[in-house]
Amino acid sequence: MSLPAKEIETTGDFVKQSSLYQEFLAERDEILKHKWIESERLGYDIGFERALLDWIRKHRENWRSARRAQTQTAPPPRQ
């Protein structure tokens, strides 16, 4: 049993606009930046998994705190 195409499209739009998905994308961008910086520093590609684990260990907590503070002071998005 599958969903109609219109319902799938609507669900996809909902997911892409959800705050959880937006948070995931922002975090992924930070990990990719960390991967690039560390790869440049070391002179070789460290890979996503290593960058992910290193970023989580070193930066995730501070990043999340700063992001929470930023969203609490930011005006609500326009619609």
PDB file of N, CA and C in Angstrom:
ATOM      1  N   MET A   1       0.851  -1.179   0.000  1.00  0.00           N
ATOM      2  CA  MET A   1       0.000   0.000   0.000  1.00  0.00           C
ATOM      3  C   MET A   1       0.892   1.235   0.000  1.00  0.00           C
ATOM      4  N   SER A   2       0.703   2.112  -0.957  1.00  0.00           N
ATOM      5  CA  SER A   2       1.529   3.313  -1.047  1.00  0.00           C
ATOM      6  C   SER A   2       0.656   4.557  -0.969  1.00  0.00           C
ATOM      7  N   LEU A   3       1.315   5.662  -0.639  1.00  0.00           N
ATOM      8  CA  LEU A   3       0.617   6.945  -0.532  1.00  0.00           C
ATOM      9  C   LEU A   3       0.467   7.566  -1.911  1.00  0.00           C
ATOM     10  N   PRO A   4      -0.609   8.329  -2.136  1.00  0.00           N
ATOM     11  CA  PRO A   4      -0.741   9.059  -3.392  1.00  0.00           C
ATOM     12  C   PRO A   4       0.390  10.080  -3.552  1.00  0.00           C
ATOM     13  N   ALA A   5       0.745  10.380  -4.797  1.00  0.00           N
ATOM     14  CA  ALA A   5       1.868  11.288  -5.085  1.00  0.00           C
ATOM     15  C   ALA A   5       1.701  12.639  -4.404  1.00  0.00           C
ATOM     16  N   LYS A   6       0.497  13.190  -4.387  1.00  0.00           N
ATOM     17  CA  LYS A   6       0.255  14.507  -3.773  1.00  0.00           C
ATOM     18  C   LYS A   6       0.538  14.454  -2.267  1.00  0.00           C
ATOM     19  N   GLU A   7       0.128  13.352  -1.622  1.00  0.00           N
ATOM     20  CA  GLU A   7       0.357  13.215  -0.190  1.00  0.00           C
ATOM     21  C   GLU A   7       1.847  13.076   0.115  1.00  0.00           C
ATOM     22  N   ILE A   8       2.562  12.351  -0.731  1.00  0.00           N
ATOM     23  CA  ILE A   8       4.010  12.206  -0.560  1.00  0.00           C
ATOM     24  C   ILE A   8       4.691  13.563  -0.710  1.00  0.00           C
ATOM     25  N   GLU A   9       4.271  14.335  -1.707  1.00  0.00           N
ATOM     26  CA  GLU A   9       4.843  15.667  -1.925  1.00  0.00           C
ATOM     27  C   GLU A   9       4.585  16.563  -0.722  1.00  0.00           C
ATOM     28  N   THR A  10       3.369  16.551  -0.200  1.00  0.00           N
ATOM     29  CA  THR A  10       3.020  17.362   0.958  1.00  0.00           C
ATOM     30  C   THR A  10       3.827  16.931   2.181  1.00  0.00           C
ATOM     31  N   THR A  11       3.967  15.630   2.379  1.00  0.00           N
ATOM     32  CA  THR A  11       4.756  15.115   3.496  1.00  0.00           C
ATOM     33  C   THR A  11       6.205  15.543   3.358  1.00  0.00           C
ATOM     34  N   GLY A  12       6.748  15.449   2.149  1.00  0.00           N
ATOM     35  CA  GLY A  12       8.131  15.864   1.903  1.00  0.00           C
ATOM     36  C   GLY A  12       8.338  17.333   2.195  1.00  0.00           C
ATOM     37  N   ASP A  13       7.390  18.172   1.794  1.00  0.00           N
ATOM     38  CA  ASP A  13       7.476  19.605   2.080  1.00  0.00           C
ATOM     39  C   ASP A  13       7.431  19.855   3.582  1.00  0.00           C
ATOM     40  N   PHE A  14       6.553  19.124   4.267  1.00  0.00           N
ATOM     41  CA  PHE A  14       6.439  19.279   5.717  1.00  0.00           C
ATOM     42  C   PHE A  14       7.756  18.920   6.398  1.00  0.00           C
ATOM     43  N   VAL A  15       8.334  17.807   5.981  1.00  0.00           N
ATOM     44  CA  VAL A  15       9.594  17.357   6.579  1.00  0.00           C
ATOM     45  C   VAL A  15      10.682  18.390   6.338  1.00  0.00           C
ATOM     46  N   LYS A  16      10.803  18.887   5.115  1.00  0.00           N
ATOM     47  CA  LYS A  16      11.847  19.856   4.783  1.00  0.00           C
ATOM     48  C   LYS A  16      11.696  21.158   5.553  1.00  0.00           C
ATOM     49  N   GLN A  17      10.475  21.491   5.934  1.00  0.00           N
ATOM     50  CA  GLN A  17      10.245  22.736   6.674  1.00  0.00           C
ATOM     51  C   GLN A  17      10.243  22.536   8.187  1.00  0.00           C
ATOM     52  N   SER A  18      10.344  21.298   8.633  1.00  0.00           N
ATOM     53  CA  SER A  18      10.295  21.044  10.070  1.00  0.00           C
ATOM     54  C   SER A  18      11.560  21.562  10.746  1.00  0.00           C
ATOM     55  N   SER A  19      11.414  21.967  11.980  1.00  0.00           N
ATOM     56  CA  SER A  19      12.562  22.494  12.723  1.00  0.00           C
ATOM     57  C   SER A  19      13.599  21.406  12.974  1.00  0.00           C
ATOM     58  N   LEU A  20      13.161  20.175  13.144  1.00  0.00           N
ATOM     59  CA  LEU A  20      14.086  19.069  13.360  1.00  0.00           C
ATOM     60  C   LEU A  20      14.979  18.859  12.136  1.00  0.00           C
ATOM     61  N   TYR A  21      14.374  18.897  10.956  1.00  0.00           N
ATOM     62  CA  TYR A  21      15.145  18.735   9.720  1.00  0.00           C
ATOM     63  C   TYR A  21      16.093  19.916   9.524  1.00  0.00           C
ATOM     64  N   GLN A  22      15.635  21.112   9.806  1.00  0.00           N
ATOM     65  CA  GLN A  22      16.480  22.301   9.683  1.00  0.00           C
ATOM     66  C   GLN A  22      17.666  22.213  10.634  1.00  0.00           C
ATOM     67  N   GLU A  23      17.424  21.698  11.829  1.00  0.00           N
ATOM     68  CA  GLU A  23      18.501  21.520  12.808  1.00  0.00           C
ATOM     69  C   GLU A  23      19.517  20.494  12.306  1.00  0.00           C
ATOM     70  N   PHE A  24      19.015  19.405  11.729  1.00  0.00           N
ATOM     71  CA  PHE A  24      19.883  18.381  11.149  1.00  0.00           C
ATOM     72  C   PHE A  24      20.766  18.974  10.056  1.00  0.00           C
ATOM     73  N   LEU A  25      20.184  19.757   9.155  1.00  0.00           N
ATOM     74  CA  LEU A  25      20.951  20.362   8.064  1.00  0.00           C
ATOM     75  C   LEU A  25      22.021  21.318   8.585  1.00  0.00           C
ATOM     76  N   ALA A  26      21.675  22.109   9.587  1.00  0.00           N
ATOM     77  CA  ALA A  26      22.641  23.053  10.163  1.00  0.00           C
ATOM     78  C   ALA A  26      23.799  22.306  10.817  1.00  0.00           C
ATOM     79  N   GLU A  27      23.474  21.241  11.538  1.00  0.00           N
ATOM     80  CA  GLU A  27      24.512  20.457  12.203  1.00  0.00           C
ATOM     81  C   GLU A  27      25.403  19.766  11.163  1.00  0.00           C
ATOM     82  N   ARG A  28      24.791  19.225  10.127  1.00  0.00           N
ATOM     83  CA  ARG A  28      25.565  18.578   9.058  1.00  0.00           C
ATOM     84  C   ARG A  28      26.525  19.570   8.395  1.00  0.00           C
ATOM     85  N   ASP A  29      26.061  20.787   8.169  1.00  0.00           N
ATOM     86  CA  ASP A  29      26.931  21.818   7.589  1.00  0.00           C
ATOM     87  C   ASP A  29      28.135  22.093   8.487  1.00  0.00           C
ATOM     88  N   GLU A  30      27.914  22.152   9.791  1.00  0.00           N
ATOM     89  CA  GLU A  30      29.020  22.378  10.725  1.00  0.00           C
ATOM     90  C   GLU A  30      30.016  21.222  10.695  1.00  0.00           C
ATOM     91  N   ILE A  31      29.510  20.010  10.600  1.00  0.00           N
ATOM     92  CA  ILE A  31      30.390  18.840  10.533  1.00  0.00           C
ATOM     93  C   ILE A  31      31.209  18.871   9.250  1.00  0.00           C
ATOM     94  N   LEU A  32      30.581  19.234   8.142  1.00  0.00           N
ATOM     95  CA  LEU A  32      31.308  19.315   6.869  1.00  0.00           C
ATOM     96  C   LEU A  32      32.374  20.414   6.905  1.00  0.00           C
ATOM     97  N   LYS A  33      32.076  21.536   7.555  1.00  0.00           N
ATOM     98  CA  LYS A  33      33.095  22.587   7.723  1.00  0.00           C
ATOM     99  C   LYS A  33      34.259  22.067   8.551  1.00  0.00           C
ATOM    100  N   HIS A  34      33.933  21.353   9.629  1.00  0.00           N
ATOM    101  CA  HIS A  34      34.969  20.784  10.493  1.00  0.00           C
ATOM    102  C   HIS A  34      35.817  19.784   9.705  1.00  0.00           C
ATOM    103  N   LYS A  35      35.168  18.974   8.895  1.00  0.00           N
ATOM    104  CA  LYS A  35      35.881  17.997   8.056  1.00  0.00           C
ATOM    105  C   LYS A  35      36.862  18.708   7.134  1.00  0.00           C
ATOM    106  N   TRP A  36      36.414  19.781   6.518  1.00  0.00           N
ATOM    107  CA  TRP A  36      37.282  20.514   5.595  1.00  0.00           C
ATOM    108  C   TRP A  36      38.473  21.126   6.342  1.00  0.00           C
ATOM    109  N   ILE A  37      38.187  21.775   7.460  1.00  0.00           N
ATOM    110  CA  ILE A  37      39.258  22.433   8.228  1.00  0.00           C
ATOM    111  C   ILE A  37      40.293  21.419   8.711  1.00  0.00           C
ATOM    112  N   GLU A  38      39.819  20.327   9.289  1.00  0.00           N
ATOM    113  CA  GLU A  38      40.746  19.317   9.804  1.00  0.00           C
ATOM    114  C   GLU A  38      41.495  18.611   8.674  1.00  0.00           C
ATOM    115  N   SER A  39      40.836  18.371   7.572  1.00  0.00           N
ATOM    116  CA  SER A  39      41.510  17.746   6.426  1.00  0.00           C
ATOM    117  C   SER A  39      42.602  18.656   5.881  1.00  0.00           C
ATOM    118  N   GLU A  40      42.314  19.935   5.793  1.00  0.00           N
ATOM    119  CA  GLU A  40      43.324  20.898   5.339  1.00  0.00           C
ATOM    120  C   GLU A  40      44.497  20.951   6.318  1.00  0.00           C
ATOM    121  N   ARG A  41      44.184  20.969   7.596  1.00  0.00           N
ATOM    122  CA  ARG A  41      45.222  21.043   8.619  1.00  0.00           C
ATOM    123  C   ARG A  41      46.136  19.823   8.577  1.00  0.00           C
ATOM    124  N   LEU A  42      45.546  18.656   8.383  1.00  0.00           N
ATOM    125  CA  LEU A  42      46.328  17.420   8.395  1.00  0.00           C
ATOM    126  C   LEU A  42      46.920  17.058   7.031  1.00  0.00           C
ATOM    127  N   GLY A  43      46.401  17.656   5.977  1.00  0.00           N
ATOM    128  CA  GLY A  43      46.943  17.404   4.644  1.00  0.00           C
ATOM    129  C   GLY A  43      46.341  16.209   3.924  1.00  0.00           C
ATOM    130  N   TYR A  44      45.249  15.654   4.460  1.00  0.00           N
ATOM    131  CA  TYR A  44      44.546  14.570   3.775  1.00  0.00           C
ATOM    132  C   TYR A  44      43.089  14.554   4.232  1.00  0.00           C
ATOM    133  N   ASP A  45      42.244  13.930   3.428  1.00  0.00           N
ATOM    134  CA  ASP A  45      40.818  13.858   3.742  1.00  0.00           C
ATOM    135  C   ASP A  45      40.591  12.918   4.919  1.00  0.00           C
ATOM    136  N   ILE A  46      40.052  13.452   6.007  1.00  0.00           N
ATOM    137  CA  ILE A  46      39.853  12.629   7.203  1.00  0.00           C
ATOM    138  C   ILE A  46      38.572  11.803   7.134  1.00  0.00           C
ATOM    139  N   GLY A  47      37.712  12.084   6.183  1.00  0.00           N
ATOM    140  CA  GLY A  47      36.466  11.339   6.044  1.00  0.00           C
ATOM    141  C   GLY A  47      35.367  11.878   6.947  1.00  0.00           C
ATOM    142  N   PHE A  48      34.131  11.617   6.533  1.00  0.00           N
ATOM    143  CA  PHE A  48      32.985  12.159   7.261  1.00  0.00           C
ATOM    144  C   PHE A  48      32.856  11.550   8.650  1.00  0.00           C
ATOM    145  N   GLU A  49      33.014  10.247   8.768  1.00  0.00           N
ATOM    146  CA  GLU A  49      32.811   9.599  10.059  1.00  0.00           C
ATOM    147  C   GLU A  49      33.780  10.117  11.120  1.00  0.00           C
ATOM    148  N   ARG A  50      35.041  10.251  10.761  1.00  0.00           N
ATOM    149  CA  ARG A  50      36.025  10.783  11.720  1.00  0.00           C
ATOM    150  C   ARG A  50      35.699  12.226  12.085  1.00  0.00           C
ATOM    151  N   ALA A  51      35.320  13.013  11.064  1.00  0.00           N
ATOM    152  CA  ALA A  51      34.959  14.414  11.316  1.00  0.00           C
ATOM    153  C   ALA A  51      33.732  14.492  12.221  1.00  0.00           C
ATOM    154  N   LEU A  52      32.762  13.648  11.976  1.00  0.00           N
ATOM    155  CA  LEU A  52      31.552  13.622  12.787  1.00  0.00           C
ATOM    156  C   LEU A  52      31.879  13.334  14.253  1.00  0.00           C
ATOM    157  N   LEU A  53      32.617  12.274  14.484  1.00  0.00           N
ATOM    158  CA  LEU A  53      32.941  11.895  15.860  1.00  0.00           C
ATOM    159  C   LEU A  53      33.793  12.957  16.558  1.00  0.00           C
ATOM    160  N   ASP A  54      34.747  13.528  15.829  1.00  0.00           N
ATOM    161  CA  ASP A  54      35.605  14.569  16.397  1.00  0.00           C
ATOM    162  C   ASP A  54      34.788  15.820  16.713  1.00  0.00           C
ATOM    163  N   TRP A  55      33.912  16.213  15.807  1.00  0.00           N
ATOM    164  CA  TRP A  55      33.087  17.409  16.004  1.00  0.00           C
ATOM    165  C   TRP A  55      32.137  17.218  17.188  1.00  0.00           C
ATOM    166  N   ILE A  56      31.529  16.033  17.283  1.00  0.00           N
ATOM    167  CA  ILE A  56      30.633  15.757  18.401  1.00  0.00           C
ATOM    168  C   ILE A  56      31.389  15.887  19.721  1.00  0.00           C
ATOM    169  N   ARG A  57      32.560  15.288  19.771  1.00  0.00           N
ATOM    170  CA  ARG A  57      33.353  15.297  20.999  1.00  0.00           C
ATOM    171  C   ARG A  57      33.833  16.699  21.380  1.00  0.00           C
ATOM    172  N   LYS A  58      34.240  17.488  20.392  1.00  0.00           N
ATOM    173  CA  LYS A  58      34.868  18.779  20.673  1.00  0.00           C
ATOM    174  C   LYS A  58      33.945  19.995  20.596  1.00  0.00           C
ATOM    175  N   HIS A  59      32.909  19.940  19.754  1.00  0.00           N
ATOM    176  CA  HIS A  59      32.186  21.171  19.448  1.00  0.00           C
ATOM    177  C   HIS A  59      30.670  21.133  19.600  1.00  0.00           C
ATOM    178  N   ARG A  60      30.071  19.972  19.589  1.00  0.00           N
ATOM    179  CA  ARG A  60      28.609  19.888  19.521  1.00  0.00           C
ATOM    180  C   ARG A  60      27.905  20.595  20.681  1.00  0.00           C
ATOM    181  N   GLU A  61      28.338  20.369  21.881  1.00  0.00           N
ATOM    182  CA  GLU A  61      27.663  20.953  23.041  1.00  0.00           C
ATOM    183  C   GLU A  61      27.654  22.488  22.971  1.00  0.00           C
ATOM    184  N   ASN A  62      28.809  23.081  22.677  1.00  0.00           N
ATOM    185  CA  ASN A  62      28.881  24.548  22.576  1.00  0.00           C
ATOM    186  C   ASN A  62      28.073  25.064  21.399  1.00  0.00           C
ATOM    187  N   TRP A  63      28.113  24.345  20.288  1.00  0.00           N
ATOM    188  CA  TRP A  63      27.361  24.753  19.094  1.00  0.00           C
ATOM    189  C   TRP A  63      25.867  24.759  19.393  1.00  0.00           C
ATOM    190  N   ARG A  64      25.394  23.701  20.045  1.00  0.00           N
ATOM    191  CA  ARG A  64      23.967  23.622  20.371  1.00  0.00           C
ATOM    192  C   ARG A  64      23.555  24.719  21.345  1.00  0.00           C
ATOM    193  N   SER A  65      24.378  24.991  22.325  1.00  0.00           N
ATOM    194  CA  SER A  65      24.061  26.061  23.284  1.00  0.00           C
ATOM    195  C   SER A  65      23.968  27.404  22.583  1.00  0.00           C
ATOM    196  N   ALA A  66      24.927  27.689  21.710  1.00  0.00           N
ATOM    197  CA  ALA A  66      24.917  28.952  20.963  1.00  0.00           C
ATOM    198  C   ALA A  66      23.707  29.020  20.039  1.00  0.00           C
ATOM    199  N   ARG A  67      23.375  27.922  19.423  1.00  0.00           N
ATOM    200  CA  ARG A  67      22.228  27.882  18.507  1.00  0.00           C
ATOM    201  C   ARG A  67      20.919  28.101  19.272  1.00  0.00           C
ATOM    202  N   ARG A  68      20.787  27.485  20.436  1.00  0.00           N
ATOM    203  CA  ARG A  68      19.595  27.686  21.256  1.00  0.00           C
ATOM    204  C   ARG A  68      19.454  29.150  21.662  1.00  0.00           C
ATOM    205  N   ALA A  69      20.564  29.742  22.082  1.00  0.00           N
ATOM    206  CA  ALA A  69      20.542  31.152  22.487  1.00  0.00           C
ATOM    207  C   ALA A  69      20.164  32.044  21.302  1.00  0.00           C
ATOM    208  N   GLN A  70      20.679  31.701  20.131  1.00  0.00           N
ATOM    209  CA  GLN A  70      20.384  32.484  18.924  1.00  0.00           C
ATOM    210  C   GLN A  70      18.905  32.379  18.555  1.00  0.00           C
ATOM    211  N   THR A  71      18.324  31.197  18.637  1.00  0.00           N
ATOM    212  CA  THR A  71      16.920  31.035  18.250  1.00  0.00           C
ATOM    213  C   THR A  71      15.973  31.647  19.273  1.00  0.00           C
ATOM    214  N   GLN A  72      16.406  31.744  20.518  1.00  0.00           N
ATOM    215  CA  GLN A  72      15.550  32.361  21.549  1.00  0.00           C
ATOM    216  C   GLN A  72      15.500  33.872  21.396  1.00  0.00           C
ATOM    217  N   THR A  73      16.534  34.472  20.843  1.00  0.00           N
ATOM    218  CA  THR A  73      16.546  35.932  20.680  1.00  0.00           C
ATOM    219  C   THR A  73      16.146  36.382  19.275  1.00  0.00           C
ATOM    220  N   ALA A  74      16.098  35.454  18.341  1.00  0.00           N
ATOM    221  CA  ALA A  74      15.755  35.802  16.965  1.00  0.00           C
ATOM    222  C   ALA A  74      14.247  35.989  16.824  1.00  0.00           C
ATOM    223  N   PRO A  75      13.827  36.924  15.954  1.00  0.00           N
ATOM    224  CA  PRO A  75      12.394  37.084  15.713  1.00  0.00           C
ATOM    225  C   PRO A  75      11.859  35.864  14.960  1.00  0.00           C
ATOM    226  N   PRO A  76      10.571  35.580  15.090  1.00  0.00           N
ATOM    227  CA  PRO A  76      10.014  34.413  14.391  1.00  0.00           C
ATOM    228  C   PRO A  76      10.119  34.581  12.879  1.00  0.00           C
ATOM    229  N   PRO A  77      10.288  33.474  12.135  1.00  0.00           N
ATOM    230  CA  PRO A  77      10.436  33.575  10.678  1.00  0.00           C
ATOM    231  C   PRO A  77       9.161  34.068  10.019  1.00  0.00           C
ATOM    232  N   ARG A  78       9.316  34.786   8.916  1.00  0.00           N
ATOM    233  CA  ARG A  78       8.168  35.287   8.154  1.00  0.00           C
ATOM    234  C   ARG A  78       7.554  34.150   7.363  1.00  0.00           C
ATOM    235  N   GLN A  79       6.270  34.249   7.156  1.00  0.00           N
ATOM    236  CA  GLN A  79       5.594  33.209   6.354  1.00  0.00           C
ATOM    237  C   GLN A  79       4.875  33.798   5.198  1.00  0.00           C
TER     238      GLN A  79
END
